[in-house]
Amino acid sequence: MTDFEDETGAFENGEAPDELLSMQIAQRLRTLIATDELKPGERLRERTLAERLDVSRTPLREALKELASDGLVVVLPKRGAVVADLSAAEIAEKLDVLGVIEAFGGEAACRMATDPEIGEIRALHYEMHAAYERRDRMNYFRLNQAIHTSIIAAAKNATLREVHERLNRQLYRYRFQGSVTSETWHTAIDEHEVIIRLLSAREGAKLGDFLRRHVHSTWEQLAPQAELLSEAKDAQ
């Protein structure tokens, strides 16, 4: 299951173990953060969130701890938990590192992936393209993320997968916001066509280089808005 797979707004408390329930809540909160329903710097009041998601406060607290460990939430003195608000410089740094990680993963996947694994990634791409044609942005993004994580998984490197997962979660909101305009959305689709072609041909060096540039293009799309927000925050 990807982190954006559960789009329901409520959970049935009695039907899932506490650990599973807290994971489901964390997934829902990641979606709310990515879509700006919970905005950077916004205070996360337990009672309000518990009512909104129709859950008890105990698994909600566990979910917030998970998000804090991911870097999506920070705990501030006298304010409690708030949605993390990354500066433009922090976003750029994290995307630089993510680009290196995905480049390494792409090269390794070309060596290590089985033919069925590549076939599954290709199938995800077709599903993503269908979501694009429907202008179904949430499912498009979910499938986009699934493609990237599947390439990393195909590299067969547990440490790489762990680091990628953590960093990618910190950047969910920003990668989601990177597909806002029809122009950037269309560009991303074209770039994914190249990614699938290079992976299928097992051209590791070319795929690694292209993935690095593909991740960097996210920053090019986000930079103007991120820098304006940072300037506004500094002026406060």
Protein backbone atom coordinates (compact mmCIF):
# COMPACT_ATOMS: atom_id res chain seq x y z
CA MET A 1 0.00 0.00 0.00
CA THR A 2 1.27 3.48 -0.83
CA ASP A 3 0.83 6.35 1.56
CA PHE A 4 -1.81 7.94 -0.62
CA GLU A 5 -3.89 4.84 -1.16
CA ASP A 6 -6.45 5.48 1.59
CA GLU A 7 -8.47 8.56 0.71
CA THR A 8 -11.34 8.01 3.14
CA GLY A 9 -11.98 10.66 5.74
CA ALA A 10 -12.86 8.37 8.67
CA PHE A 11 -11.88 5.00 10.13
CA GLU A 12 -13.85 2.38 12.01
CA ASN A 13 -12.20 2.21 15.41
CA GLY A 14 -13.24 -1.32 16.33
CA GLU A 15 -12.07 -3.04 13.16
CA ALA A 16 -8.32 -2.47 13.19
CA PRO A 17 -5.57 -3.12 15.75
CA ASP A 18 -4.18 0.04 17.34
CA GLU A 19 -0.93 -0.10 15.38
CA LEU A 20 -2.70 -0.52 12.04
CA LEU A 21 -5.16 2.23 12.91
CA SER A 22 -2.38 4.69 13.78
CA MET A 23 -0.69 3.86 10.45
CA GLN A 24 -3.94 4.55 8.60
CA ILE A 25 -4.35 7.85 10.43
CA ALA A 26 -0.77 8.81 9.56
CA GLN A 27 -1.45 8.07 5.90
CA ARG A 28 -4.54 10.25 5.92
CA LEU A 29 -2.67 13.10 7.61
CA ARG A 30 0.09 12.89 4.99
CA THR A 31 -2.56 13.35 2.31
CA LEU A 32 -4.08 16.33 4.12
CA ILE A 33 -0.62 17.90 4.38
CA ALA A 34 0.27 17.22 0.74
CA THR A 35 -2.98 18.78 -0.51
CA ASP A 36 -2.64 21.83 1.78
CA GLU A 37 -5.76 20.96 3.76
CA LEU A 38 -3.32 21.10 6.67
CA LYS A 39 -0.99 23.98 5.86
CA PRO A 40 2.68 24.53 6.79
CA GLY A 41 2.91 26.06 10.26
CA GLU A 42 -0.66 25.09 11.15
CA ARG A 43 -1.19 23.89 14.71
CA LEU A 44 -2.49 20.32 14.96
CA ARG A 45 -5.04 20.27 17.76
CA GLU A 46 -5.69 16.70 18.86
CA ARG A 47 -9.36 17.16 19.66
CA THR A 48 -10.13 18.83 16.32
CA LEU A 49 -8.23 16.20 14.33
CA ALA A 50 -9.79 13.32 16.28
CA GLU A 51 -13.27 14.64 15.49
CA ARG A 52 -12.40 15.29 11.85
CA LEU A 53 -11.07 11.76 11.30
CA ASP A 54 -13.55 10.10 13.67
CA VAL A 55 -10.84 8.41 15.72
CA SER A 56 -9.80 8.35 19.36
CA ARG A 57 -6.90 10.47 20.54
CA THR A 58 -4.57 7.59 21.50
CA PRO A 59 -3.92 6.27 17.95
CA LEU A 60 -3.92 9.87 16.71
CA ARG A 61 -1.03 10.67 19.07
CA GLU A 62 0.88 7.66 17.74
CA ALA A 63 0.26 8.85 14.17
CA LEU A 64 1.56 12.32 15.04
CA LYS A 65 4.69 10.75 16.55
CA GLU A 66 5.24 8.87 13.28
CA LEU A 67 4.86 12.08 11.27
CA ALA A 68 7.26 13.85 13.64
CA SER A 69 9.86 11.13 13.07
CA ASP A 70 9.38 11.61 9.31
CA GLY A 71 9.92 15.35 9.62
CA LEU A 72 6.40 16.25 8.46
CA VAL A 73 5.40 17.52 11.90
CA VAL A 74 7.44 19.39 14.51
CA VAL A 75 6.71 19.83 18.21
CA LEU A 76 7.21 23.39 19.44
CA PRO A 77 7.31 24.60 23.06
CA LYS A 78 3.92 25.95 24.20
CA ARG A 79 2.40 25.31 20.75
CA GLY A 80 2.41 21.54 20.51
CA ALA A 81 2.49 19.79 17.14
CA VAL A 82 2.50 21.90 13.97
CA VAL A 83 2.88 21.04 10.29
CA ALA A 84 6.54 21.39 9.29
CA ASP A 85 7.29 24.50 7.26
CA LEU A 86 10.44 24.00 5.19
CA SER A 87 12.36 26.97 3.85
CA ALA A 88 13.21 27.26 0.15
CA ALA A 89 16.82 26.32 0.95
CA GLU A 90 15.74 23.21 2.90
CA ILE A 91 13.48 22.05 0.06
CA ALA A 92 16.29 22.54 -2.47
CA GLU A 93 18.77 20.61 -0.31
CA LYS A 94 16.41 17.68 0.19
CA LEU A 95 15.55 17.52 -3.52
CA ASP A 96 19.28 17.54 -4.38
CA VAL A 97 19.82 14.52 -2.14
CA LEU A 98 16.67 12.80 -3.40
CA GLY A 99 17.92 13.22 -6.96
CA VAL A 100 21.20 11.48 -6.10
CA ILE A 101 19.33 8.66 -4.33
CA GLU A 102 16.92 8.10 -7.22
CA ALA A 103 19.77 8.21 -9.73
CA PHE A 104 21.64 5.50 -7.82
CA GLY A 105 18.43 3.50 -7.44
CA GLY A 106 17.63 3.74 -11.14
CA GLU A 107 21.07 2.49 -12.14
CA ALA A 108 20.85 -0.39 -9.67
CA ALA A 109 17.30 -1.27 -10.75
CA CYS A 110 18.45 -1.67 -14.34
CA ARG A 111 20.87 -4.36 -13.11
CA MET A 112 18.78 -5.98 -10.40
CA ALA A 113 15.11 -5.78 -11.46
CA THR A 114 13.42 -8.88 -12.81
CA ASP A 115 11.46 -8.67 -16.05
CA PRO A 116 8.15 -9.10 -14.15
CA GLU A 117 9.10 -6.22 -11.83
CA ILE A 118 9.76 -3.96 -14.80
CA GLY A 119 6.45 -5.09 -16.26
CA GLU A 120 4.66 -4.09 -13.06
CA ILE A 121 6.30 -0.65 -13.12
CA ARG A 122 5.26 -0.27 -16.76
CA ALA A 123 1.68 -1.17 -15.78
CA LEU A 124 1.74 1.52 -13.06
CA HIS A 125 2.84 4.00 -15.72
CA TYR A 126 -0.13 3.11 -17.93
CA GLU A 127 -2.46 3.55 -14.94
CA MET A 128 -0.85 6.90 -14.17
CA HIS A 129 -1.29 8.03 -17.76
CA ALA A 130 -4.97 7.11 -17.58
CA ALA A 131 -5.32 9.17 -14.39
CA TYR A 132 -3.66 12.08 -16.21
CA GLU A 133 -6.15 11.79 -19.09
CA ARG A 134 -9.00 11.91 -16.54
CA ARG A 135 -7.31 14.85 -14.77
CA ASP A 136 -7.51 12.77 -11.59
CA ARG A 137 -4.70 14.55 -9.78
CA MET A 138 -4.73 12.55 -6.54
CA ASN A 139 -4.61 9.14 -8.21
CA TYR A 140 -2.05 10.46 -10.69
CA PHE A 141 0.19 11.52 -7.80
CA ARG A 142 -0.34 8.25 -5.92
CA LEU A 143 0.68 6.25 -8.99
CA ASN A 144 3.58 8.60 -9.72
CA GLN A 145 4.93 7.97 -6.23
CA ALA A 146 4.35 4.22 -6.63
CA ILE A 147 6.50 4.22 -9.78
CA HIS A 148 9.39 5.96 -8.04
CA THR A 149 9.22 3.73 -4.95
CA SER A 150 8.92 0.60 -7.12
CA ILE A 151 12.09 1.52 -9.01
CA ILE A 152 13.90 1.96 -5.70
CA ALA A 153 12.50 -1.37 -4.45
CA ALA A 154 13.71 -3.08 -7.63
CA ALA A 155 17.26 -1.96 -6.80
CA LYS A 156 17.26 -4.60 -4.01
CA ASN A 157 19.02 -2.37 -1.47
CA ALA A 158 17.26 -2.17 1.90
CA THR A 159 19.28 0.82 3.15
CA LEU A 160 18.60 2.77 -0.04
CA ARG A 161 14.91 2.00 0.26
CA GLU A 162 14.79 3.13 3.90
CA VAL A 163 16.57 6.44 3.23
CA HIS A 164 14.48 7.11 0.12
CA GLU A 165 11.22 6.45 1.95
CA ARG A 166 12.06 8.83 4.77
CA LEU A 167 13.23 11.66 2.53
CA ASN A 168 10.38 11.20 0.08
CA ARG A 169 7.84 11.50 2.88
CA GLN A 170 9.35 14.83 3.92
CA LEU A 171 8.86 16.07 0.36
CA TYR A 172 5.35 14.70 -0.33
CA ARG A 173 3.66 18.08 -0.15
CA TYR A 174 6.22 19.77 -2.37
CA ARG A 175 6.22 17.04 -5.02
CA PHE A 176 2.42 17.11 -5.05
CA GLN A 177 2.45 20.89 -5.49
CA GLY A 178 4.93 20.46 -8.34
CA SER A 179 2.18 19.10 -10.63
CA VAL A 180 -0.19 22.02 -10.15
CA THR A 181 -0.23 23.53 -13.66
CA SER A 182 -1.27 21.73 -16.84
CA GLU A 183 2.12 22.56 -18.39
CA THR A 184 4.19 21.00 -15.59
CA TRP A 185 1.81 18.04 -15.47
CA HIS A 186 2.26 17.40 -19.19
CA THR A 187 6.05 17.73 -18.86
CA ALA A 188 6.07 15.19 -16.01
CA ILE A 189 4.12 12.69 -18.13
CA ASP A 190 6.59 13.06 -21.00
CA GLU A 191 9.51 12.57 -18.60
CA HIS A 192 7.95 9.40 -17.20
CA GLU A 193 7.69 8.00 -20.73
CA VAL A 194 11.47 8.37 -20.96
CA ILE A 195 11.99 6.80 -17.52
CA ILE A 196 9.98 3.70 -18.48
CA ARG A 197 11.75 3.40 -21.83
CA LEU A 198 15.22 3.57 -20.27
CA LEU A 199 14.29 1.15 -17.47
CA SER A 200 12.82 -1.33 -19.96
CA ALA A 201 16.02 -1.12 -22.03
CA ARG A 202 18.10 -1.46 -18.82
CA GLU A 203 20.18 1.59 -19.73
CA GLY A 204 21.35 2.23 -16.18
CA ALA A 205 23.70 5.19 -16.68
CA LYS A 206 21.20 7.05 -18.84
CA LEU A 207 18.32 6.32 -16.47
CA GLY A 208 20.33 7.47 -13.45
CA ASP A 209 21.23 10.75 -15.14
CA PHE A 210 17.66 11.31 -16.30
CA LEU A 211 16.16 10.60 -12.87
CA ARG A 212 18.50 13.14 -11.29
CA ARG A 213 17.33 15.77 -13.78
CA HIS A 214 13.70 14.67 -13.38
CA VAL A 215 13.82 15.29 -9.62
CA HIS A 216 15.64 18.59 -10.17
CA SER A 217 12.80 19.73 -12.44
CA THR A 218 10.51 19.55 -9.39
CA TRP A 219 12.57 22.31 -7.78
CA GLU A 220 12.49 24.41 -10.96
CA GLN A 221 8.69 24.28 -10.79
CA LEU A 222 8.54 25.02 -7.07
CA ALA A 223 11.35 27.54 -6.66
CA PRO A 224 9.50 30.79 -7.47
CA GLN A 225 6.64 30.02 -5.06
CA ALA A 226 8.93 28.60 -2.34
CA GLU A 227 11.24 31.61 -2.43
CA LEU A 228 8.32 34.05 -2.20
CA LEU A 229 6.95 32.18 0.80
CA SER A 230 10.36 32.19 2.49
CA GLU A 231 10.70 35.94 1.95
CA ALA A 232 7.25 36.54 3.40
CA LYS A 233 8.08 34.38 6.44
CA ASP A 234 11.38 36.22 7.00
CA ALA A 235 9.57 39.56 6.88
CA GLN A 236 7.16 38.58 9.68
